[in-house]
Amino acid sequence: MARVTNSPASRKRRKKVLKYAKGYFGSKSKLFRYAKEAVQHAWQYAYADRRKKKANMRGLWIVRLNAACRGAGISYSRFIEGLKAANIQLDRRALSEIAIADALAFQSLVARAQDALKAKAAQA
C-alpha cells in the first residue's frame, strides 16, 4: 500500500508561499521552510503596522496643528481646550487639513477657541 501525499495540493500551497516571499533576501525567497517563516512574520508585522499607522497619522496631524497654532499665537493644548469649550467637534485630521489648505478659516477657528477660553475663564 502506497503512502498518499496529496502532492498537487502541497505543491500549490508551497508555490503560494514562495510567491508571497518573492523579493525576500537569499533562502527566504527560495526555500519553502524559510520562506514560510518569513511570510508569517511579514503578515504579523503588516497586521500590527496597520494599527500603528493610525497612531502615526494622528501624531502627524497633531504636529501640523501645533505648528499652525504656534503661528497663530496659541498653543496646541489651549486651542483644543478652546474648541471643546466652544463645542466645535472637528477631529484632528479635519483641523489639520483646514490649517494646511485654508489659513483664513483656521484663523477664525483660533479666534472662536480664544473667545471660548475667555468665556470659560470669566465663569470660573
PDB file of N, CA and C in Angstrom:
ATOM      1  N   MET A   1       0.847  -1.183   0.000  1.00  0.00           N
ATOM      2  CA  MET A   1       0.000   0.000   0.000  1.00  0.00           C
ATOM      3  C   MET A   1       0.890   1.242   0.000  1.00  0.00           C
ATOM      4  N   ALA A   2       0.629   2.166  -0.911  1.00  0.00           N
ATOM      5  CA  ALA A   2       1.468   3.358  -1.064  1.00  0.00           C
ATOM      6  C   ALA A   2       0.948   4.482  -0.171  1.00  0.00           C
ATOM      7  N   ARG A   3       1.864   5.301   0.252  1.00  0.00           N
ATOM      8  CA  ARG A   3       1.502   6.457   1.084  1.00  0.00           C
ATOM      9  C   ARG A   3       0.942   7.557   0.186  1.00  0.00           C
ATOM     10  N   VAL A   4      -0.210   8.129   0.568  1.00  0.00           N
ATOM     11  CA  VAL A   4      -0.843   9.187  -0.225  1.00  0.00           C
ATOM     12  C   VAL A   4      -0.368  10.527   0.313  1.00  0.00           C
ATOM     13  N   THR A   5       0.204  11.359  -0.581  1.00  0.00           N
ATOM     14  CA  THR A   5       0.793  12.627  -0.128  1.00  0.00           C
ATOM     15  C   THR A   5      -0.020  13.843  -0.547  1.00  0.00           C
ATOM     16  N   ASN A   6      -0.997  13.646  -1.418  1.00  0.00           N
ATOM     17  CA  ASN A   6      -1.782  14.761  -1.957  1.00  0.00           C
ATOM     18  C   ASN A   6      -0.848  15.828  -2.518  1.00  0.00           C
ATOM     19  N   SER A   7       0.064  15.413  -3.365  1.00  0.00           N
ATOM     20  CA  SER A   7       1.112  16.329  -3.823  1.00  0.00           C
ATOM     21  C   SER A   7       0.610  17.532  -4.613  1.00  0.00           C
ATOM     22  N   PRO A   8      -0.475  17.470  -5.394  1.00  0.00           N
ATOM     23  CA  PRO A   8      -0.910  18.694  -6.085  1.00  0.00           C
ATOM     24  C   PRO A   8      -1.263  19.815  -5.095  1.00  0.00           C
ATOM     25  N   ALA A   9      -1.956  19.474  -4.019  1.00  0.00           N
ATOM     26  CA  ALA A   9      -2.338  20.483  -3.027  1.00  0.00           C
ATOM     27  C   ALA A   9      -1.107  21.004  -2.285  1.00  0.00           C
ATOM     28  N   SER A  10      -0.183  20.086  -1.954  1.00  0.00           N
ATOM     29  CA  SER A  10       1.035  20.503  -1.251  1.00  0.00           C
ATOM     30  C   SER A  10       1.856  21.436  -2.110  1.00  0.00           C
ATOM     31  N   ARG A  11       2.004  21.070  -3.397  1.00  0.00           N
ATOM     32  CA  ARG A  11       2.786  21.913  -4.308  1.00  0.00           C
ATOM     33  C   ARG A  11       2.136  23.285  -4.456  1.00  0.00           C
ATOM     34  N   LYS A  12       0.814  23.296  -4.570  1.00  0.00           N
ATOM     35  CA  LYS A  12       0.097  24.567  -4.715  1.00  0.00           C
ATOM     36  C   LYS A  12       0.317  25.454  -3.486  1.00  0.00           C
ATOM     37  N   ARG A  13       0.229  24.845  -2.310  1.00  0.00           N
ATOM     38  CA  ARG A  13       0.420  25.599  -1.065  1.00  0.00           C
ATOM     39  C   ARG A  13       1.844  26.165  -0.991  1.00  0.00           C
ATOM     40  N   ARG A  14       2.813  25.341  -1.343  1.00  0.00           N
ATOM     41  CA  ARG A  14       4.210  25.790  -1.287  1.00  0.00           C
ATOM     42  C   ARG A  14       4.490  26.877  -2.311  1.00  0.00           C
ATOM     43  N   LYS A  15       3.949  26.700  -3.497  1.00  0.00           N
ATOM     44  CA  LYS A  15       4.155  27.728  -4.542  1.00  0.00           C
ATOM     45  C   LYS A  15       3.538  29.062  -4.118  1.00  0.00           C
ATOM     46  N   LYS A  16       2.387  28.967  -3.442  1.00  0.00           N
ATOM     47  CA  LYS A  16       1.718  30.188  -2.986  1.00  0.00           C
ATOM     48  C   LYS A  16       2.599  30.926  -1.971  1.00  0.00           C
ATOM     49  N   VAL A  17       3.168  30.198  -1.038  1.00  0.00           N
ATOM     50  CA  VAL A  17       4.046  30.810  -0.025  1.00  0.00           C
ATOM     51  C   VAL A  17       5.274  31.407  -0.695  1.00  0.00           C
ATOM     52  N   LEU A  18       5.866  30.675  -1.635  1.00  0.00           N
ATOM     53  CA  LEU A  18       7.058  31.182  -2.324  1.00  0.00           C
ATOM     54  C   LEU A  18       6.727  32.422  -3.161  1.00  0.00           C
ATOM     55  N   LYS A  19       5.500  32.474  -3.681  1.00  0.00           N
ATOM     56  CA  LYS A  19       5.079  33.663  -4.429  1.00  0.00           C
ATOM     57  C   LYS A  19       5.023  34.874  -3.496  1.00  0.00           C
ATOM     58  N   TYR A  20       4.485  34.681  -2.285  1.00  0.00           N
ATOM     59  CA  TYR A  20       4.428  35.778  -1.311  1.00  0.00           C
ATOM     60  C   TYR A  20       5.827  36.223  -0.888  1.00  0.00           C
ATOM     61  N   ALA A  21       6.776  35.281  -0.889  1.00  0.00           N
ATOM     62  CA  ALA A  21       8.127  35.571  -0.420  1.00  0.00           C
ATOM     63  C   ALA A  21       9.029  36.118  -1.528  1.00  0.00           C
ATOM     64  N   LYS A  22       8.474  36.325  -2.711  1.00  0.00           N
ATOM     65  CA  LYS A  22       9.272  36.834  -3.830  1.00  0.00           C
ATOM     66  C   LYS A  22       9.876  38.182  -3.442  1.00  0.00           C
ATOM     67  N   GLY A  23      11.153  38.340  -3.700  1.00  0.00           N
ATOM     68  CA  GLY A  23      11.823  39.591  -3.372  1.00  0.00           C
ATOM     69  C   GLY A  23      12.533  39.551  -2.028  1.00  0.00           C
ATOM     70  N   TYR A  24      12.282  38.530  -1.217  1.00  0.00           N
ATOM     71  CA  TYR A  24      12.995  38.416   0.048  1.00  0.00           C
ATOM     72  C   TYR A  24      14.442  38.004  -0.225  1.00  0.00           C
ATOM     73  N   PHE A  25      15.325  38.274   0.716  1.00  0.00           N
ATOM     74  CA  PHE A  25      16.751  38.039   0.523  1.00  0.00           C
ATOM     75  C   PHE A  25      17.110  36.566   0.698  1.00  0.00           C
ATOM     76  N   GLY A  26      17.919  36.065  -0.224  1.00  0.00           N
ATOM     77  CA  GLY A  26      18.527  34.750  -0.083  1.00  0.00           C
ATOM     78  C   GLY A  26      17.535  33.614  -0.003  1.00  0.00           C
ATOM     79  N   SER A  27      17.777  32.701   0.943  1.00  0.00           N
ATOM     80  CA  SER A  27      16.975  31.485   1.031  1.00  0.00           C
ATOM     81  C   SER A  27      15.531  31.772   1.430  1.00  0.00           C
ATOM     82  N   LYS A  28      15.273  32.943   1.972  1.00  0.00           N
ATOM     83  CA  LYS A  28      13.900  33.280   2.371  1.00  0.00           C
ATOM     84  C   LYS A  28      12.970  33.367   1.164  1.00  0.00           C
ATOM     85  N   SER A  29      13.540  33.565  -0.022  1.00  0.00           N
ATOM     86  CA  SER A  29      12.696  33.626  -1.212  1.00  0.00           C
ATOM     87  C   SER A  29      12.775  32.345  -2.038  1.00  0.00           C
ATOM     88  N   LYS A  30      13.661  31.418  -1.662  1.00  0.00           N
ATOM     89  CA  LYS A  30      13.881  30.227  -2.492  1.00  0.00           C
ATOM     90  C   LYS A  30      13.429  28.931  -1.821  1.00  0.00           C
ATOM     91  N   LEU A  31      13.622  28.826  -0.518  1.00  0.00           N
ATOM     92  CA  LEU A  31      13.355  27.575   0.182  1.00  0.00           C
ATOM     93  C   LEU A  31      12.077  27.698   1.003  1.00  0.00           C
ATOM     94  N   PHE A  32      11.193  26.706   0.834  1.00  0.00           N
ATOM     95  CA  PHE A  32       9.876  26.778   1.455  1.00  0.00           C
ATOM     96  C   PHE A  32       9.950  26.949   2.962  1.00  0.00           C
ATOM     97  N   ARG A  33      10.825  26.203   3.622  1.00  0.00           N
ATOM     98  CA  ARG A  33      10.901  26.216   5.083  1.00  0.00           C
ATOM     99  C   ARG A  33      11.150  27.633   5.599  1.00  0.00           C
ATOM    100  N   TYR A  34      12.074  28.328   4.975  1.00  0.00           N
ATOM    101  CA  TYR A  34      12.457  29.667   5.440  1.00  0.00           C
ATOM    102  C   TYR A  34      11.505  30.728   4.903  1.00  0.00           C
ATOM    103  N   ALA A  35      10.980  30.479   3.719  1.00  0.00           N
ATOM    104  CA  ALA A  35      10.010  31.414   3.138  1.00  0.00           C
ATOM    105  C   ALA A  35       8.737  31.455   3.978  1.00  0.00           C
ATOM    106  N   LYS A  36       8.297  30.286   4.416  1.00  0.00           N
ATOM    107  CA  LYS A  36       7.070  30.198   5.217  1.00  0.00           C
ATOM    108  C   LYS A  36       7.201  31.027   6.491  1.00  0.00           C
ATOM    109  N   GLU A  37       8.326  30.888   7.158  1.00  0.00           N
ATOM    110  CA  GLU A  37       8.561  31.641   8.394  1.00  0.00           C
ATOM    111  C   GLU A  37       8.605  33.151   8.113  1.00  0.00           C
ATOM    112  N   ALA A  38       9.312  33.522   7.041  1.00  0.00           N
ATOM    113  CA  ALA A  38       9.447  34.946   6.703  1.00  0.00           C
ATOM    114  C   ALA A  38       8.095  35.554   6.346  1.00  0.00           C
ATOM    115  N   VAL A  39       7.281  34.807   5.610  1.00  0.00           N
ATOM    116  CA  VAL A  39       5.957  35.307   5.215  1.00  0.00           C
ATOM    117  C   VAL A  39       5.064  35.461   6.442  1.00  0.00           C
ATOM    118  N   GLN A  40       5.110  34.487   7.350  1.00  0.00           N
ATOM    119  CA  GLN A  40       4.287  34.583   8.563  1.00  0.00           C
ATOM    120  C   GLN A  40       4.682  35.806   9.390  1.00  0.00           C
ATOM    121  N   HIS A  41       5.985  36.053   9.514  1.00  0.00           N
ATOM    122  CA  HIS A  41       6.431  37.242  10.243  1.00  0.00           C
ATOM    123  C   HIS A  41       5.981  38.506   9.523  1.00  0.00           C
ATOM    124  N   ALA A  42       6.103  38.501   8.210  1.00  0.00           N
ATOM    125  CA  ALA A  42       5.703  39.676   7.431  1.00  0.00           C
ATOM    126  C   ALA A  42       4.231  39.990   7.653  1.00  0.00           C
ATOM    127  N   TRP A  43       3.401  38.952   7.690  1.00  0.00           N
ATOM    128  CA  TRP A  43       1.973  39.176   7.911  1.00  0.00           C
ATOM    129  C   TRP A  43       1.705  39.704   9.311  1.00  0.00           C
ATOM    130  N   GLN A  44       2.471  39.231  10.289  1.00  0.00           N
ATOM    131  CA  GLN A  44       2.302  39.744  11.655  1.00  0.00           C
ATOM    132  C   GLN A  44       2.670  41.228  11.716  1.00  0.00           C
ATOM    133  N   TYR A  45       3.787  41.574  11.069  1.00  0.00           N
ATOM    134  CA  TYR A  45       4.204  42.977  11.061  1.00  0.00           C
ATOM    135  C   TYR A  45       3.181  43.844  10.329  1.00  0.00           C
ATOM    136  N   ALA A  46       2.669  43.324   9.216  1.00  0.00           N
ATOM    137  CA  ALA A  46       1.694  44.084   8.435  1.00  0.00           C
ATOM    138  C   ALA A  46       0.437  44.340   9.258  1.00  0.00           C
ATOM    139  N   TYR A  47      -0.022  43.322   9.978  1.00  0.00           N
ATOM    140  CA  TYR A  47      -1.218  43.459  10.809  1.00  0.00           C
ATOM    141  C   TYR A  47      -1.001  44.516  11.887  1.00  0.00           C
ATOM    142  N   ALA A  48       0.124  44.412  12.584  1.00  0.00           N
ATOM    143  CA  ALA A  48       0.413  45.358  13.675  1.00  0.00           C
ATOM    144  C   ALA A  48       0.609  46.767  13.128  1.00  0.00           C
ATOM    145  N   ASP A  49       1.288  46.874  11.996  1.00  0.00           N
ATOM    146  CA  ASP A  49       1.594  48.200  11.471  1.00  0.00           C
ATOM    147  C   ASP A  49       0.384  48.892  10.862  1.00  0.00           C
ATOM    148  N   ARG A  50      -0.624  48.123  10.449  1.00  0.00           N
ATOM    149  CA  ARG A  50      -1.867  48.767  10.005  1.00  0.00           C
ATOM    150  C   ARG A  50      -2.505  49.511  11.176  1.00  0.00           C
ATOM    151  N   ARG A  51      -2.314  49.002  12.378  1.00  0.00           N
ATOM    152  CA  ARG A  51      -2.833  49.687  13.562  1.00  0.00           C
ATOM    153  C   ARG A  51      -1.912  50.833  13.994  1.00  0.00           C
ATOM    154  N   LYS A  52      -0.600  50.603  13.889  1.00  0.00           N
ATOM    155  CA  LYS A  52       0.361  51.656  14.236  1.00  0.00           C
ATOM    156  C   LYS A  52       0.224  52.864  13.331  1.00  0.00           C
ATOM    157  N   LYS A  53      -0.132  52.597  12.084  1.00  0.00           N
ATOM    158  CA  LYS A  53      -0.268  53.670  11.092  1.00  0.00           C
ATOM    159  C   LYS A  53      -1.288  54.711  11.555  1.00  0.00           C
ATOM    160  N   LYS A  54      -2.347  54.250  12.194  1.00  0.00           N
ATOM    161  CA  LYS A  54      -3.385  55.160  12.677  1.00  0.00           C
ATOM    162  C   LYS A  54      -2.818  56.104  13.748  1.00  0.00           C
ATOM    163  N   ALA A  55      -2.013  55.555  14.649  1.00  0.00           N
ATOM    164  CA  ALA A  55      -1.392  56.371  15.702  1.00  0.00           C
ATOM    165  C   ALA A  55      -0.374  57.337  15.094  1.00  0.00           C
ATOM    166  N   ASN A  56       0.389  56.858  14.101  1.00  0.00           N
ATOM    167  CA  ASN A  56       1.381  57.723  13.453  1.00  0.00           C
ATOM    168  C   ASN A  56       0.716  58.885  12.739  1.00  0.00           C
ATOM    169  N   MET A  57      -0.405  58.617  12.073  1.00  0.00           N
ATOM    170  CA  MET A  57      -1.104  59.686  11.360  1.00  0.00           C
ATOM    171  C   MET A  57      -1.666  60.714  12.349  1.00  0.00           C
ATOM    172  N   ARG A  58      -2.227  60.235  13.445  1.00  0.00           N
ATOM    173  CA  ARG A  58      -2.742  61.162  14.460  1.00  0.00           C
ATOM    174  C   ARG A  58      -1.605  62.042  14.986  1.00  0.00           C
ATOM    175  N   GLY A  59      -0.441  61.446  15.218  1.00  0.00           N
ATOM    176  CA  GLY A  59       0.723  62.216  15.663  1.00  0.00           C
ATOM    177  C   GLY A  59       1.119  63.266  14.645  1.00  0.00           C
ATOM    178  N   LEU A  60       1.086  62.907  13.365  1.00  0.00           N
ATOM    179  CA  LEU A  60       1.422  63.854  12.304  1.00  0.00           C
ATOM    180  C   LEU A  60       0.440  65.018  12.285  1.00  0.00           C
ATOM    181  N   TRP A  61      -0.865  64.714  12.412  1.00  0.00           N
ATOM    182  CA  TRP A  61      -1.865  65.781  12.417  1.00  0.00           C
ATOM    183  C   TRP A  61      -1.648  66.721  13.597  1.00  0.00           C
ATOM    184  N   ILE A  62      -1.296  66.152  14.747  1.00  0.00           N
ATOM    185  CA  ILE A  62      -1.072  66.968  15.939  1.00  0.00           C
ATOM    186  C   ILE A  62       0.140  67.868  15.749  1.00  0.00           C
ATOM    187  N   VAL A  63       1.211  67.336  15.153  1.00  0.00           N
ATOM    188  CA  VAL A  63       2.411  68.142  14.896  1.00  0.00           C
ATOM    189  C   VAL A  63       2.069  69.303  13.960  1.00  0.00           C
ATOM    190  N   ARG A  64       1.310  69.006  12.905  1.00  0.00           N
ATOM    191  CA  ARG A  64       0.909  70.060  11.956  1.00  0.00           C
ATOM    192  C   ARG A  64       0.040  71.117  12.636  1.00  0.00           C
ATOM    193  N   LEU A  65      -0.897  70.635  13.453  1.00  0.00           N
ATOM    194  CA  LEU A  65      -1.773  71.570  14.165  1.00  0.00           C
ATOM    195  C   LEU A  65      -0.987  72.437  15.131  1.00  0.00           C
ATOM    196  N   ASN A  66      -0.046  71.840  15.833  1.00  0.00           N
ATOM    197  CA  ASN A  66       0.774  72.582  16.789  1.00  0.00           C
ATOM    198  C   ASN A  66       1.534  73.689  16.072  1.00  0.00           C
ATOM    199  N   ALA A  67       2.109  73.359  14.916  1.00  0.00           N
ATOM    200  CA  ALA A  67       2.854  74.369  14.156  1.00  0.00           C
ATOM    201  C   ALA A  67       1.929  75.496  13.715  1.00  0.00           C
ATOM    202  N   ALA A  68       0.738  75.144  13.237  1.00  0.00           N
ATOM    203  CA  ALA A  68      -0.208  76.166  12.783  1.00  0.00           C
ATOM    204  C   ALA A  68      -0.697  77.008  13.959  1.00  0.00           C
ATOM    205  N   CYS A  69      -0.934  76.359  15.097  1.00  0.00           N
ATOM    206  CA  CYS A  69      -1.400  77.088  16.289  1.00  0.00           C
ATOM    207  C   CYS A  69      -0.336  78.062  16.780  1.00  0.00           C
ATOM    208  N   ARG A  70       0.908  77.612  16.834  1.00  0.00           N
ATOM    209  CA  ARG A  70       2.004  78.495  17.285  1.00  0.00           C
ATOM    210  C   ARG A  70       2.100  79.712  16.383  1.00  0.00           C
ATOM    211  N   GLY A  71       1.916  79.492  15.082  1.00  0.00           N
ATOM    212  CA  GLY A  71       1.929  80.614  14.140  1.00  0.00           C
ATOM    213  C   GLY A  71       0.784  81.582  14.383  1.00  0.00           C
ATOM    214  N   ALA A  72      -0.330  81.053  14.916  1.00  0.00           N
ATOM    215  CA  ALA A  72      -1.499  81.894  15.189  1.00  0.00           C
ATOM    216  C   ALA A  72      -1.475  82.474  16.597  1.00  0.00           C
ATOM    217  N   GLY A  73      -0.420  82.158  17.367  1.00  0.00           N
ATOM    218  CA  GLY A  73      -0.272  82.755  18.693  1.00  0.00           C
ATOM    219  C   GLY A  73      -0.993  82.035  19.814  1.00  0.00           C
ATOM    220  N   ILE A  74      -1.191  80.733  19.678  1.00  0.00           N
ATOM    221  CA  ILE A  74      -1.845  79.956  20.728  1.00  0.00           C
ATOM    222  C   ILE A  74      -1.173  78.590  20.759  1.00  0.00           C
ATOM    223  N   SER A  75      -1.131  77.961  21.932  1.00  0.00           N
ATOM    224  CA  SER A  75      -0.538  76.627  21.995  1.00  0.00           C
ATOM    225  C   SER A  75      -1.584  75.604  21.547  1.00  0.00           C
ATOM    226  N   TYR A  76      -1.098  74.442  21.136  1.00  0.00           N
ATOM    227  CA  TYR A  76      -1.987  73.386  20.645  1.00  0.00           C
ATOM    228  C   TYR A  76      -2.991  72.973  21.721  1.00  0.00           C
ATOM    229  N   SER A  77      -2.508  72.773  22.946  1.00  0.00           N
ATOM    230  CA  SER A  77      -3.395  72.284  24.006  1.00  0.00           C
ATOM    231  C   SER A  77      -4.483  73.306  24.343  1.00  0.00           C
ATOM    232  N   ARG A  78      -4.109  74.579  24.362  1.00  0.00           N
ATOM    233  CA  ARG A  78      -5.113  75.633  24.630  1.00  0.00           C
ATOM    234  C   ARG A  78      -6.115  75.727  23.473  1.00  0.00           C
ATOM    235  N   PHE A  79      -5.636  75.511  22.253  1.00  0.00           N
ATOM    236  CA  PHE A  79      -6.510  75.531  21.074  1.00  0.00           C
ATOM    237  C   PHE A  79      -7.559  74.426  21.178  1.00  0.00           C
ATOM    238  N   ILE A  80      -7.108  73.212  21.497  1.00  0.00           N
ATOM    239  CA  ILE A  80      -8.039  72.076  21.621  1.00  0.00           C
ATOM    240  C   ILE A  80      -9.015  72.315  22.779  1.00  0.00           C
ATOM    241  N   GLU A  81      -8.502  72.844  23.893  1.00  0.00           N
ATOM    242  CA  GLU A  81      -9.371  73.168  25.034  1.00  0.00           C
ATOM    243  C   GLU A  81     -10.426  74.198  24.632  1.00  0.00           C
ATOM    244  N   GLY A  82      -9.994  75.199  23.877  1.00  0.00           N
ATOM    245  CA  GLY A  82     -10.925  76.235  23.411  1.00  0.00           C
ATOM    246  C   GLY A  82     -11.982  75.686  22.469  1.00  0.00           C
ATOM    247  N   LEU A  83     -11.580  74.788  21.570  1.00  0.00           N
ATOM    248  CA  LEU A  83     -12.556  74.184  20.653  1.00  0.00           C
ATOM    249  C   LEU A  83     -13.595  73.377  21.421  1.00  0.00           C
ATOM    250  N   LYS A  84     -13.133  72.650  22.454  1.00  0.00           N
ATOM    251  CA  LYS A  84     -14.077  71.864  23.261  1.00  0.00           C
ATOM    252  C   LYS A  84     -15.041  72.794  24.000  1.00  0.00           C
ATOM    253  N   ALA A  85     -14.496  73.900  24.519  1.00  0.00           N
ATOM    254  CA  ALA A  85     -15.338  74.861  25.239  1.00  0.00           C
ATOM    255  C   ALA A  85     -16.342  75.511  24.295  1.00  0.00           C
ATOM    256  N   ALA A  86     -15.936  75.718  23.025  1.00  0.00           N
ATOM    257  CA  ALA A  86     -16.829  76.329  22.031  1.00  0.00           C
ATOM    258  C   ALA A  86     -17.757  75.297  21.402  1.00  0.00           C
ATOM    259  N   ASN A  87     -17.623  74.032  21.829  1.00  0.00           N
ATOM    260  CA  ASN A  87     -18.432  72.927  21.314  1.00  0.00           C
ATOM    261  C   ASN A  87     -18.256  72.741  19.804  1.00  0.00           C
ATOM    262  N   ILE A  88     -17.023  72.884  19.339  1.00  0.00           N
ATOM    263  CA  ILE A  88     -16.684  72.624  17.937  1.00  0.00           C
ATOM    264  C   ILE A  88     -16.101  71.224  17.876  1.00  0.00           C
ATOM    265  N   GLN A  89     -16.793  70.335  17.189  1.00  0.00           N
ATOM    266  CA  GLN A  89     -16.397  68.930  17.184  1.00  0.00           C
ATOM    267  C   GLN A  89     -15.788  68.541  15.843  1.00  0.00           C
ATOM    268  N   LEU A  90     -14.579  69.003  15.604  1.00  0.00           N
ATOM    269  CA  LEU A  90     -13.816  68.596  14.420  1.00  0.00           C
ATOM    270  C   LEU A  90     -12.663  67.719  14.888  1.00  0.00           C
ATOM    271  N   ASP A  91     -12.412  66.643  14.159  1.00  0.00           N
ATOM    272  CA  ASP A  91     -11.292  65.801  14.559  1.00  0.00           C
ATOM    273  C   ASP A  91      -9.972  66.404  14.085  1.00  0.00           C
ATOM    274  N   ARG A  92      -8.879  65.836  14.570  1.00  0.00           N
ATOM    275  CA  ARG A  92      -7.559  66.415  14.291  1.00  0.00           C
ATOM    276  C   ARG A  92      -7.188  66.334  12.822  1.00  0.00           C
ATOM    277  N   ARG A  93      -7.702  65.330  12.145  1.00  0.00           N
ATOM    278  CA  ARG A  93      -7.438  65.219  10.707  1.00  0.00           C
ATOM    279  C   ARG A  93      -8.066  66.390   9.959  1.00  0.00           C
ATOM    280  N   ALA A  94      -9.322  66.664  10.246  1.00  0.00           N
ATOM    281  CA  ALA A  94     -10.015  67.769   9.575  1.00  0.00           C
ATOM    282  C   ALA A  94      -9.364  69.106   9.934  1.00  0.00           C
ATOM    283  N   LEU A  95      -9.026  69.277  11.197  1.00  0.00           N
ATOM    284  CA  LEU A  95      -8.380  70.520  11.619  1.00  0.00           C
ATOM    285  C   LEU A  95      -7.044  70.707  10.912  1.00  0.00           C
ATOM    286  N   SER A  96      -6.293  69.616  10.769  1.00  0.00           N
ATOM    287  CA  SER A  96      -5.001  69.672  10.088  1.00  0.00           C
ATOM    288  C   SER A  96      -5.174  70.065   8.625  1.00  0.00           C
ATOM    289  N   GLU A  97      -6.175  69.481   7.963  1.00  0.00           N
ATOM    290  CA  GLU A  97      -6.451  69.823   6.555  1.00  0.00           C
ATOM    291  C   GLU A  97      -6.827  71.295   6.425  1.00  0.00           C
ATOM    292  N   ILE A  98      -7.641  71.779   7.358  1.00  0.00           N
ATOM    293  CA  ILE A  98      -8.038  73.199   7.330  1.00  0.00           C
ATOM    294  C   ILE A  98      -6.818  74.079   7.532  1.00  0.00           C
ATOM    295  N   ALA A  99      -5.965  73.715   8.472  1.00  0.00           N
ATOM    296  CA  ALA A  99      -4.761  74.509   8.760  1.00  0.00           C
ATOM    297  C   ALA A  99      -3.854  74.602   7.537  1.00  0.00           C
ATOM    298  N   ILE A 100      -3.757  73.507   6.776  1.00  0.00           N
ATOM    299  CA  ILE A 100      -2.890  73.490   5.595  1.00  0.00           C
ATOM    300  C   ILE A 100      -3.535  74.229   4.429  1.00  0.00           C
ATOM    301  N   ALA A 101      -4.817  73.934   4.165  1.00  0.00           N
ATOM    302  CA  ALA A 101      -5.464  74.394   2.935  1.00  0.00           C
ATOM    303  C   ALA A 101      -6.096  75.781   3.040  1.00  0.00           C
ATOM    304  N   ASP A 102      -6.601  76.138   4.224  1.00  0.00           N
ATOM    305  CA  ASP A 102      -7.378  77.373   4.337  1.00  0.00           C
ATOM    306  C   ASP A 102      -6.966  78.131   5.603  1.00  0.00           C
ATOM    307  N   ALA A 103      -5.964  78.980   5.470  1.00  0.00           N
ATOM    308  CA  ALA A 103      -5.424  79.705   6.629  1.00  0.00           C
ATOM    309  C   ALA A 103      -6.462  80.635   7.255  1.00  0.00           C
ATOM    310  N   LEU A 104      -7.309  81.224   6.427  1.00  0.00           N
ATOM    311  CA  LEU A 104      -8.321  82.161   6.920  1.00  0.00           C
ATOM    312  C   LEU A 104      -9.339  81.440   7.810  1.00  0.00           C
ATOM    313  N   ALA A 105      -9.800  80.286   7.365  1.00  0.00           N
ATOM    314  CA  ALA A 105     -10.752  79.507   8.164  1.00  0.00           C
ATOM    315  C   ALA A 105     -10.101  79.056   9.469  1.00  0.00           C
ATOM    316  N   PHE A 106      -8.823  78.677   9.397  1.00  0.00           N
ATOM    317  CA  PHE A 106      -8.124  78.246  10.609  1.00  0.00           C
ATOM    318  C   PHE A 106      -8.007  79.402  11.596  1.00  0.00           C
ATOM    319  N   GLN A 107      -7.730  80.604  11.082  1.00  0.00           N
ATOM    320  CA  GLN A 107      -7.653  81.789  11.955  1.00  0.00           C
ATOM    321  C   GLN A 107      -8.989  82.027  12.658  1.00  0.00           C
ATOM    322  N   SER A 108     -10.095  81.828  11.932  1.00  0.00           N
ATOM    323  CA  SER A 108     -11.405  82.029  12.565  1.00  0.00           C
ATOM    324  C   SER A 108     -11.657  80.967  13.638  1.00  0.00           C
ATOM    325  N   LEU A 109     -11.184  79.743  13.410  1.00  0.00           N
ATOM    326  CA  LEU A 109     -11.308  78.700  14.442  1.00  0.00           C
ATOM    327  C   LEU A 109     -10.494  79.073  15.680  1.00  0.00           C
ATOM    328  N   VAL A 110      -9.289  79.596  15.453  1.00  0.00           N
ATOM    329  CA  VAL A 110      -8.438  80.024  16.568  1.00  0.00           C
ATOM    330  C   VAL A 110      -9.136  81.134  17.350  1.00  0.00           C
ATOM    331  N   ALA A 111      -9.724  82.079  16.630  1.00  0.00           N
ATOM    332  CA  ALA A 111     -10.427  83.188  17.287  1.00  0.00           C
ATOM    333  C   ALA A 111     -11.602  82.671  18.125  1.00  0.00           C
ATOM    334  N   ARG A 112     -12.372  81.732  17.561  1.00  0.00           N
ATOM    335  CA  ARG A 112     -13.505  81.170  18.311  1.00  0.00           C
ATOM    336  C   ARG A 112     -13.027  80.412  19.542  1.00  0.00           C
ATOM    337  N   ALA A 113     -11.897  79.691  19.405  1.00  0.00           N
ATOM    338  CA  ALA A 113     -11.345  78.953  20.545  1.00  0.00           C
ATOM    339  C   ALA A 113     -10.892  79.926  21.632  1.00  0.00           C
ATOM    340  N   GLN A 114     -10.247  81.026  21.238  1.00  0.00           N
ATOM    341  CA  GLN A 114      -9.785  82.012  22.215  1.00  0.00           C
ATOM    342  C   GLN A 114     -10.959  82.688  22.914  1.00  0.00           C
ATOM    343  N   ASP A 115     -12.015  82.999  22.164  1.00  0.00           N
ATOM    344  CA  ASP A 115     -13.208  83.595  22.772  1.00  0.00           C
ATOM    345  C   ASP A 115     -13.841  82.644  23.791  1.00  0.00           C
ATOM    346  N   ALA A 116     -13.904  81.361  23.436  1.00  0.00           N
ATOM    347  CA  ALA A 116     -14.480  80.360  24.347  1.00  0.00           C
ATOM    348  C   ALA A 116     -13.637  80.220  25.606  1.00  0.00           C
ATOM    349  N   LEU A 117     -12.305  80.304  25.446  1.00  0.00           N
ATOM    350  CA  LEU A 117     -11.415  80.236  26.611  1.00  0.00           C
ATOM    351  C   LEU A 117     -11.637  81.432  27.539  1.00  0.00           C
ATOM    352  N   LYS A 118     -11.811  82.614  26.948  1.00  0.00           N
ATOM    353  CA  LYS A 118     -12.070  83.817  27.767  1.00  0.00           C
ATOM    354  C   LYS A 118     -13.384  83.688  28.514  1.00  0.00           C
ATOM    355  N   ALA A 119     -14.418  83.177  27.826  1.00  0.00           N
ATOM    356  CA  ALA A 119     -15.727  82.986  28.469  1.00  0.00           C
ATOM    357  C   ALA A 119     -15.619  81.955  29.590  1.00  0.00           C
ATOM    358  N   LYS A 120     -14.848  80.916  29.370  1.00  0.00           N
ATOM    359  CA  LYS A 120     -14.661  79.871  30.372  1.00  0.00           C
ATOM    360  C   LYS A 120     -13.923  80.433  31.599  1.00  0.00           C
ATOM    361  N   ALA A 121     -12.928  81.291  31.354  1.00  0.00           N
ATOM    362  CA  ALA A 121     -12.175  81.896  32.457  1.00  0.00           C
ATOM    363  C   ALA A 121     -13.061  82.875  33.238  1.00  0.00           C
ATOM    364  N   ALA A 122     -13.948  83.575  32.530  1.00  0.00           N
ATOM    365  CA  ALA A 122     -14.852  84.537  33.193  1.00  0.00           C
ATOM    366  C   ALA A 122     -15.842  83.815  34.101  1.00  0.00           C
ATOM    367  N   GLN A 123     -16.250  82.606  33.692  1.00  0.00           N
ATOM    368  CA  GLN A 123     -17.184  81.851  34.510  1.00  0.00           C
ATOM    369  C   GLN A 123     -16.546  81.340  35.798  1.00  0.00           C
ATOM    370  N   ALA A 124     -15.267  80.987  35.720  1.00  0.00           N
ATOM    371  CA  ALA A 124     -14.594  80.370  36.867  1.00  0.00           C
ATOM    372  C   ALA A 124     -14.251  81.348  37.958  1.00  0.00           C
TER     373      ALA A 124
END
